Amino acid sequence: MTNVLGLPLEEALKLLRDEGVAAVCAETSARGRIDDGEARVVRAVERGGVLELTYALFRTNIGQSE
């Protein structure tokens, strides 16, 4: 199975779909949550044949507004 940690969420989901891996997603955030940004995978755990992906939003462009 491809390592998807750090990848943008949509890219990770596409790679897993292409491999035939079932995945579910959950969002996590810090207290200083941002409402925009890029969703990136921060955790991946396999349970019962399903990959549980946890993602967080990150500002990945220098100079992106806060």
Protein backbone atom coordinates (compact mmCIF):
# COMPACT_ATOMS: atom_id res chain seq x y z
CA MET A 1 0.00 0.00 0.00
CA THR A 2 1.29 3.45 -0.89
CA ASN A 3 2.39 5.72 1.97
CA VAL A 4 0.01 8.70 1.82
CA LEU A 5 1.24 10.70 4.85
CA GLY A 6 1.70 14.37 4.02
CA LEU A 7 -0.07 14.14 0.69
CA PRO A 8 -2.98 16.39 -0.23
CA LEU A 9 -6.15 14.53 0.78
CA GLU A 10 -7.62 14.29 -2.74
CA GLU A 11 -4.35 12.93 -4.14
CA ALA A 12 -4.14 10.35 -1.34
CA LEU A 13 -7.73 9.22 -1.93
CA LYS A 14 -7.12 8.85 -5.68
CA LEU A 15 -3.97 6.77 -5.12
CA LEU A 16 -5.80 4.51 -2.68
CA ARG A 17 -8.82 4.14 -4.99
CA ASP A 18 -6.48 3.18 -7.83
CA GLU A 19 -5.02 0.48 -5.55
CA GLY A 20 -8.48 -0.74 -4.54
CA VAL A 21 -8.07 0.34 -0.92
CA ALA A 22 -11.19 1.47 0.96
CA ALA A 23 -10.66 4.64 3.01
CA VAL A 24 -12.63 6.83 5.40
CA CYS A 25 -11.66 10.37 6.41
CA ALA A 26 -11.82 12.47 9.57
CA GLU A 27 -10.63 16.04 10.08
CA THR A 28 -8.52 17.20 13.00
CA SER A 29 -7.33 20.67 13.95
CA ALA A 30 -5.50 22.63 16.60
CA ARG A 31 -7.19 25.22 18.79
CA GLY A 32 -6.13 27.90 16.31
CA ARG A 33 -8.07 26.20 13.53
CA ILE A 34 -7.95 27.69 10.05
CA ASP A 35 -10.98 27.47 7.80
CA ASP A 36 -9.13 27.59 4.52
CA GLY A 37 -6.01 25.88 3.32
CA GLU A 38 -5.03 22.59 1.82
CA ALA A 39 -6.20 19.31 3.38
CA ARG A 40 -3.20 17.03 3.98
CA VAL A 41 -3.07 13.54 5.47
CA VAL A 42 -1.51 13.55 8.96
CA ARG A 43 -2.37 9.98 10.05
CA ALA A 44 -3.24 6.69 8.35
CA VAL A 45 -4.32 3.61 10.31
CA GLU A 46 -5.63 0.34 8.85
CA ARG A 47 -8.55 -1.21 10.73
CA GLY A 48 -10.54 -4.14 9.48
CA GLY A 49 -9.41 -3.73 5.88
CA VAL A 50 -10.31 -0.02 5.79
CA LEU A 51 -7.71 2.74 5.91
CA GLU A 52 -8.69 5.53 8.31
CA LEU A 53 -7.20 8.82 7.15
CA THR A 54 -6.97 11.81 9.45
CA TYR A 55 -6.31 15.14 7.77
CA ALA A 56 -5.69 18.73 8.78
CA LEU A 57 -5.84 22.01 6.88
CA PHE A 58 -2.50 23.69 6.16
CA ARG A 59 -1.54 26.93 4.49
CA THR A 60 1.05 25.77 2.02
CA ASN A 61 1.56 28.91 -0.06
CA ILE A 62 3.99 31.53 1.24
CA GLY A 63 2.16 34.81 1.70
CA GLN A 64 -1.29 33.17 1.91
CA SER A 65 -3.59 35.40 4.00
CA GLU A 66 -4.51 34.46 7.52
